[in-house]
Amino acid sequence: MNLTMNIRNRRTYKEHAGLFMIKSAAWIVVALFLSSLGYIAYHGAGTLSPSFLSTFPEKMMEEGGILPCIIGTAILSIGAMAVALPLGIACAVWLNEYAKEGPLKKLITLAVANLAGVPSIVFGLFGLAFFVTVCGLGVSAIAGILTLAILTLPIVINTVRETLSQIPNSWRESSLALGASKTQTVLRTVLPAALPGILTGAILGLARAAGETSAIMFTAAVMSLPYHIYVLATTGMNPDKAVPIQCATALVLLMTVFALNLMAFYIRQKSSKRPA
């Protein structure tokens, strides 16, 4: 009896200790995020204004606004998703609906998983070597878009594939039983049902592309919000003027990424509550 109680007490102690460590780690992360956000807001809120968002940089980017950076971020992000979304949907559909279990499917799944873990600077170097040099695109918006498209591709594939796997097989079987072909079932039954997940993947991809700096440092000839922050941090001659602009730009970028992630979360929540 005493031995059993001791074992239970030890398990309870370990569970409480593990839970305390997990909660502590979570609160540390929250505290670091809030402190960083507070620093950025304190130094950048005074600079943030309608004119800051609608004017061009002046005097080596240490005065003026960030309108070209906002436009450049939109061009790169939307262009990247225009390339990555069709490819990601096609890959996810093939993996979930057509591919048979075997070495090829495992290899592609492993490749997608590894691609998701590659640092963004590696994508930038690949874009420089392949799109800029081999393909002859030069340092241009197209090269930056294609580099970001490869970077965001795993997000789209994994999100859409997860959504497709949650669609009941009975829907597919019912469509096939009514005489529809496999392709008709996928196009008219499966993909419409997966639309919320596809939108979620697109929005998450947009958020990832909007916040990337390393992937476009060597490839894109377009200014963007994260690259603007990088330039001010590395080449700014007057820190007293550069820091407020950096922080204000960072606030705009954070609000953009937060809004996109919040939109993706809302779409996912709405789709999860949809009656089957």
Protein backbone atom coordinates (compact mmCIF):
# COMPACT_ATOMS: atom_id res chain seq x y z
CA MET A 1 0.00 0.00 0.00
CA ASN A 2 2.77 2.42 1.02
CA LEU A 3 4.75 1.52 -2.10
CA THR A 4 1.73 2.30 -4.31
CA MET A 5 1.18 5.64 -2.58
CA ASN A 6 4.86 6.55 -2.99
CA ILE A 7 4.73 5.77 -6.70
CA ARG A 8 1.59 7.89 -7.08
CA ASN A 9 3.13 10.76 -5.14
CA ARG A 10 6.25 10.66 -7.30
CA ARG A 11 4.16 10.68 -10.48
CA THR A 12 2.09 13.58 -9.16
CA TYR A 13 5.24 15.49 -8.23
CA LYS A 14 6.76 14.91 -11.67
CA GLU A 15 3.52 15.98 -13.38
CA HIS A 16 3.34 19.19 -11.34
CA ALA A 17 7.04 19.89 -11.91
CA GLY A 18 6.70 19.32 -15.66
CA LEU A 19 3.58 21.50 -15.84
CA PHE A 20 5.35 24.26 -13.89
CA MET A 21 8.29 24.18 -16.31
CA ILE A 22 5.97 24.35 -19.32
CA LYS A 23 4.02 27.28 -17.86
CA SER A 24 7.24 29.05 -16.91
CA ALA A 25 8.62 28.67 -20.44
CA ALA A 26 5.35 29.98 -21.90
CA TRP A 27 5.35 33.03 -19.60
CA ILE A 28 9.01 33.74 -20.40
CA VAL A 29 8.18 33.77 -24.10
CA VAL A 30 5.18 36.04 -23.50
CA ALA A 31 7.27 38.38 -21.35
CA LEU A 32 10.01 38.61 -23.98
CA PHE A 33 7.45 39.31 -26.70
CA LEU A 34 5.67 41.99 -24.66
CA SER A 35 8.93 43.66 -23.66
CA SER A 36 10.09 43.75 -27.30
CA LEU A 37 6.71 45.05 -28.43
CA GLY A 38 6.75 47.66 -25.67
CA TYR A 39 10.20 48.87 -26.72
CA ILE A 40 9.17 49.11 -30.36
CA ALA A 41 5.90 50.87 -29.52
CA TYR A 42 7.63 53.32 -27.15
CA HIS A 43 10.18 54.42 -29.74
CA GLY A 44 8.03 54.13 -32.86
CA ALA A 45 4.48 55.20 -31.94
CA GLY A 46 5.37 58.88 -32.09
CA THR A 47 6.66 58.55 -35.65
CA LEU A 48 3.72 56.51 -36.93
CA SER A 49 1.26 58.77 -38.74
CA PRO A 50 -0.75 58.92 -41.99
CA SER A 51 2.00 60.94 -43.65
CA PHE A 52 4.57 58.33 -42.58
CA LEU A 53 2.54 55.69 -44.44
CA SER A 54 1.92 57.79 -47.55
CA THR A 55 5.20 59.56 -48.31
CA PHE A 56 8.57 58.57 -49.76
CA PRO A 57 11.81 58.22 -47.78
CA GLU A 58 14.12 61.22 -47.70
CA LYS A 59 17.74 61.91 -46.75
CA MET A 60 19.07 58.33 -46.84
CA MET A 61 15.80 56.96 -45.44
CA GLU A 62 16.32 58.84 -42.18
CA GLU A 63 13.34 61.12 -42.87
CA GLY A 64 10.08 60.84 -44.74
CA GLY A 65 7.79 57.82 -44.97
CA ILE A 66 7.67 54.20 -46.07
CA LEU A 67 5.16 54.16 -48.94
CA PRO A 68 7.54 52.39 -51.39
CA CYS A 69 8.29 49.77 -48.73
CA ILE A 70 4.58 49.05 -48.22
CA ILE A 71 4.04 48.77 -51.98
CA GLY A 72 7.13 46.58 -52.36
CA THR A 73 6.02 44.26 -49.56
CA ALA A 74 2.61 43.90 -51.19
CA ILE A 75 4.14 43.17 -54.61
CA LEU A 76 6.54 40.55 -53.28
CA SER A 77 4.02 38.84 -50.98
CA ILE A 78 1.10 38.73 -53.39
CA GLY A 79 3.37 37.73 -56.28
CA ALA A 80 4.88 34.92 -54.22
CA MET A 81 1.46 33.57 -53.31
CA ALA A 82 0.31 33.80 -56.93
CA VAL A 83 3.10 31.35 -57.75
CA ALA A 84 3.12 29.21 -54.59
CA LEU A 85 -0.64 28.74 -54.12
CA PRO A 86 -1.40 26.82 -57.36
CA LEU A 87 1.73 24.70 -56.96
CA GLY A 88 1.01 24.04 -53.29
CA ILE A 89 -2.62 23.07 -53.93
CA ALA A 90 -1.63 20.76 -56.78
CA CYS A 91 1.05 19.07 -54.67
CA ALA A 92 -1.27 18.69 -51.66
CA VAL A 93 -4.07 17.25 -53.82
CA TRP A 94 -1.72 14.75 -55.44
CA LEU A 95 -0.26 13.64 -52.10
CA ASN A 96 -3.64 13.27 -50.41
CA GLU A 97 -5.93 12.15 -53.23
CA TYR A 98 -3.87 10.37 -55.87
CA ALA A 99 -0.49 9.24 -54.55
CA LYS A 100 -0.21 5.64 -53.39
CA GLU A 101 1.77 4.72 -50.33
CA GLY A 102 5.32 4.04 -51.36
CA PRO A 103 8.87 5.39 -51.57
CA LEU A 104 7.96 8.29 -53.89
CA LYS A 105 5.25 9.65 -51.59
CA LYS A 106 7.50 9.29 -48.55
CA LEU A 107 10.33 11.05 -50.38
CA ILE A 108 8.14 14.01 -51.38
CA THR A 109 6.66 14.28 -47.88
CA LEU A 110 10.16 14.26 -46.41
CA ALA A 111 11.30 16.87 -48.91
CA VAL A 112 8.40 19.18 -47.98
CA ALA A 113 9.13 18.74 -44.27
CA ASN A 114 12.82 19.51 -44.79
CA LEU A 115 12.01 22.50 -46.98
CA ALA A 116 9.91 23.96 -44.16
CA GLY A 117 12.91 23.84 -41.83
CA VAL A 118 15.47 25.44 -44.13
CA PRO A 119 16.67 28.89 -42.89
CA SER A 120 15.51 31.80 -45.00
CA ILE A 121 19.09 32.90 -45.76
CA VAL A 122 19.58 29.60 -47.60
CA PHE A 123 16.58 30.40 -49.79
CA GLY A 124 18.14 33.79 -50.49
CA LEU A 125 21.44 32.23 -51.54
CA PHE A 126 19.60 29.68 -53.69
CA GLY A 127 17.61 32.48 -55.35
CA LEU A 128 20.84 34.36 -56.02
CA ALA A 129 22.53 31.32 -57.51
CA PHE A 130 19.59 29.98 -59.54
CA PHE A 131 17.08 32.71 -60.39
CA VAL A 132 19.49 35.66 -60.53
CA THR A 133 22.50 33.94 -62.11
CA VAL A 134 21.47 30.71 -63.85
CA CYS A 135 18.07 31.89 -65.08
CA GLY A 136 19.45 35.32 -65.93
CA LEU A 137 16.68 37.23 -64.15
CA GLY A 138 19.13 39.49 -62.38
CA VAL A 139 18.36 41.22 -59.11
CA SER A 140 14.71 41.97 -59.79
CA ALA A 141 11.21 41.75 -58.40
CA ILE A 142 10.62 38.52 -60.34
CA ALA A 143 13.64 36.84 -58.76
CA GLY A 144 12.49 37.93 -55.31
CA ILE A 145 8.94 36.71 -55.93
CA LEU A 146 10.13 33.28 -57.10
CA THR A 147 12.46 32.97 -54.10
CA LEU A 148 9.66 33.83 -51.68
CA ALA A 149 7.34 31.44 -53.52
CA ILE A 150 9.68 28.52 -52.79
CA LEU A 151 10.01 29.66 -49.19
CA THR A 152 6.23 29.75 -48.62
CA LEU A 153 5.47 26.60 -50.60
CA PRO A 154 5.75 24.19 -47.62
CA ILE A 155 3.26 26.28 -45.61
CA VAL A 156 0.68 26.04 -48.38
CA ILE A 157 1.25 22.33 -48.98
CA ASN A 158 1.02 21.36 -45.31
CA THR A 159 -2.02 23.53 -44.60
CA VAL A 160 -3.99 22.38 -47.64
CA ARG A 161 -3.03 18.75 -47.12
CA GLU A 162 -4.15 18.85 -43.50
CA THR A 163 -7.49 20.31 -44.61
CA LEU A 164 -7.95 17.67 -47.29
CA SER A 165 -7.27 14.88 -44.79
CA GLN A 166 -10.09 16.17 -42.57
CA ILE A 167 -12.75 15.91 -45.29
CA PRO A 168 -14.83 12.75 -44.66
CA ASN A 169 -14.21 9.89 -47.08
CA SER A 170 -17.97 9.40 -47.25
CA TRP A 171 -18.19 12.56 -49.35
CA ARG A 172 -15.76 11.13 -51.88
CA GLU A 173 -17.53 7.76 -51.87
CA SER A 174 -20.93 9.40 -52.39
CA SER A 175 -19.64 11.40 -55.33
CA LEU A 176 -18.06 8.33 -56.93
CA ALA A 177 -21.23 6.31 -56.31
CA LEU A 178 -23.24 8.91 -58.25
CA GLY A 179 -21.05 8.34 -61.30
CA ALA A 180 -18.51 11.16 -60.93
CA SER A 181 -14.93 10.44 -61.92
CA LYS A 182 -12.02 10.83 -59.52
CA THR A 183 -11.07 14.18 -61.04
CA GLN A 184 -14.66 15.45 -60.93
CA THR A 185 -14.89 14.40 -57.28
CA VAL A 186 -11.73 16.28 -56.40
CA LEU A 187 -12.68 19.43 -58.33
CA ARG A 188 -16.38 19.62 -57.44
CA THR A 189 -16.55 18.04 -53.99
CA VAL A 190 -13.20 17.94 -52.23
CA LEU A 191 -11.65 21.28 -53.20
CA PRO A 192 -14.78 23.38 -52.49
CA ALA A 193 -14.99 21.77 -49.06
CA ALA A 194 -11.31 22.55 -48.50
CA LEU A 195 -11.64 26.22 -49.49
CA PRO A 196 -11.32 27.58 -45.89
CA GLY A 197 -8.08 25.63 -45.43
CA ILE A 198 -6.79 26.85 -48.78
CA LEU A 199 -7.51 30.45 -47.78
CA THR A 200 -5.79 29.85 -44.45
CA GLY A 201 -2.69 28.53 -46.18
CA ALA A 202 -2.66 31.51 -48.55
CA ILE A 203 -2.93 34.01 -45.70
CA LEU A 204 -0.25 32.30 -43.62
CA GLY A 205 1.99 32.26 -46.68
CA LEU A 206 1.37 35.98 -47.19
CA ALA A 207 2.29 36.66 -43.57
CA ARG A 208 5.50 34.63 -43.88
CA ALA A 209 6.50 36.32 -47.14
CA ALA A 210 5.76 39.81 -45.77
CA GLY A 211 8.14 39.35 -42.86
CA GLU A 212 11.12 37.91 -44.71
CA THR A 213 14.37 39.81 -45.16
CA SER A 214 17.12 37.26 -45.75
CA ALA A 215 15.35 35.61 -48.68
CA ILE A 216 15.20 38.85 -50.69
CA MET A 217 18.45 40.54 -49.68
CA PHE A 218 20.30 39.13 -52.69
CA THR A 219 17.47 38.72 -55.18
CA ALA A 220 14.88 41.52 -55.12
CA ALA A 221 15.31 45.06 -56.43
CA VAL A 222 12.17 46.12 -54.55
CA MET A 223 12.12 47.81 -51.17
CA SER A 224 10.10 46.07 -48.45
CA LEU A 225 9.29 46.72 -44.81
CA PRO A 226 11.77 44.22 -43.28
CA TYR A 227 14.51 45.22 -45.71
CA HIS A 228 13.92 48.88 -44.86
CA ILE A 229 14.51 48.05 -41.18
CA TYR A 230 17.67 46.14 -42.09
CA VAL A 231 19.08 49.00 -44.16
CA LEU A 232 18.47 51.54 -41.41
CA ALA A 233 20.07 49.25 -38.83
CA THR A 234 23.21 48.64 -40.88
CA THR A 235 23.80 51.86 -42.82
CA GLY A 236 22.04 54.57 -40.84
CA MET A 237 24.44 57.42 -40.06
CA ASN A 238 22.28 59.09 -37.41
CA PRO A 239 20.88 56.60 -34.84
CA ASP A 240 18.76 59.30 -33.15
CA LYS A 241 16.77 59.69 -36.37
CA ALA A 242 17.00 56.09 -37.56
CA VAL A 243 15.72 54.30 -34.44
CA PRO A 244 12.24 55.93 -34.38
CA ILE A 245 11.78 55.20 -38.10
CA GLN A 246 12.98 51.63 -37.60
CA CYS A 247 10.54 51.07 -34.75
CA ALA A 248 7.64 52.70 -36.61
CA THR A 249 8.34 50.49 -39.64
CA ALA A 250 8.54 47.46 -37.35
CA LEU A 251 5.16 48.39 -35.86
CA VAL A 252 3.60 48.53 -39.33
CA LEU A 253 5.13 45.15 -40.18
CA LEU A 254 4.01 43.59 -36.88
CA MET A 255 0.47 44.88 -37.28
CA THR A 256 0.33 43.57 -40.85
CA VAL A 257 1.56 40.11 -39.89
CA PHE A 258 -0.69 40.03 -36.82
CA ALA A 259 -3.73 41.00 -38.89
CA LEU A 260 -2.99 38.30 -41.47
CA ASN A 261 -2.52 35.62 -38.80
CA LEU A 262 -5.68 36.74 -37.02
CA MET A 263 -7.58 36.45 -40.30
CA ALA A 264 -6.21 32.95 -40.85
CA PHE A 265 -7.19 31.97 -37.30
CA TYR A 266 -10.70 33.34 -37.80
CA ILE A 267 -11.18 31.42 -41.06
CA ARG A 268 -9.90 28.21 -39.45
CA GLN A 269 -12.25 28.65 -36.46
CA LYS A 270 -15.25 29.32 -38.70
CA SER A 271 -14.50 26.31 -40.86
CA SER A 272 -14.08 24.02 -37.83
CA LYS A 273 -17.55 24.99 -36.59
CA ARG A 274 -19.15 24.29 -39.97
CA PRO A 275 -21.68 21.44 -39.75
CA ALA A 276 -20.62 18.25 -41.52
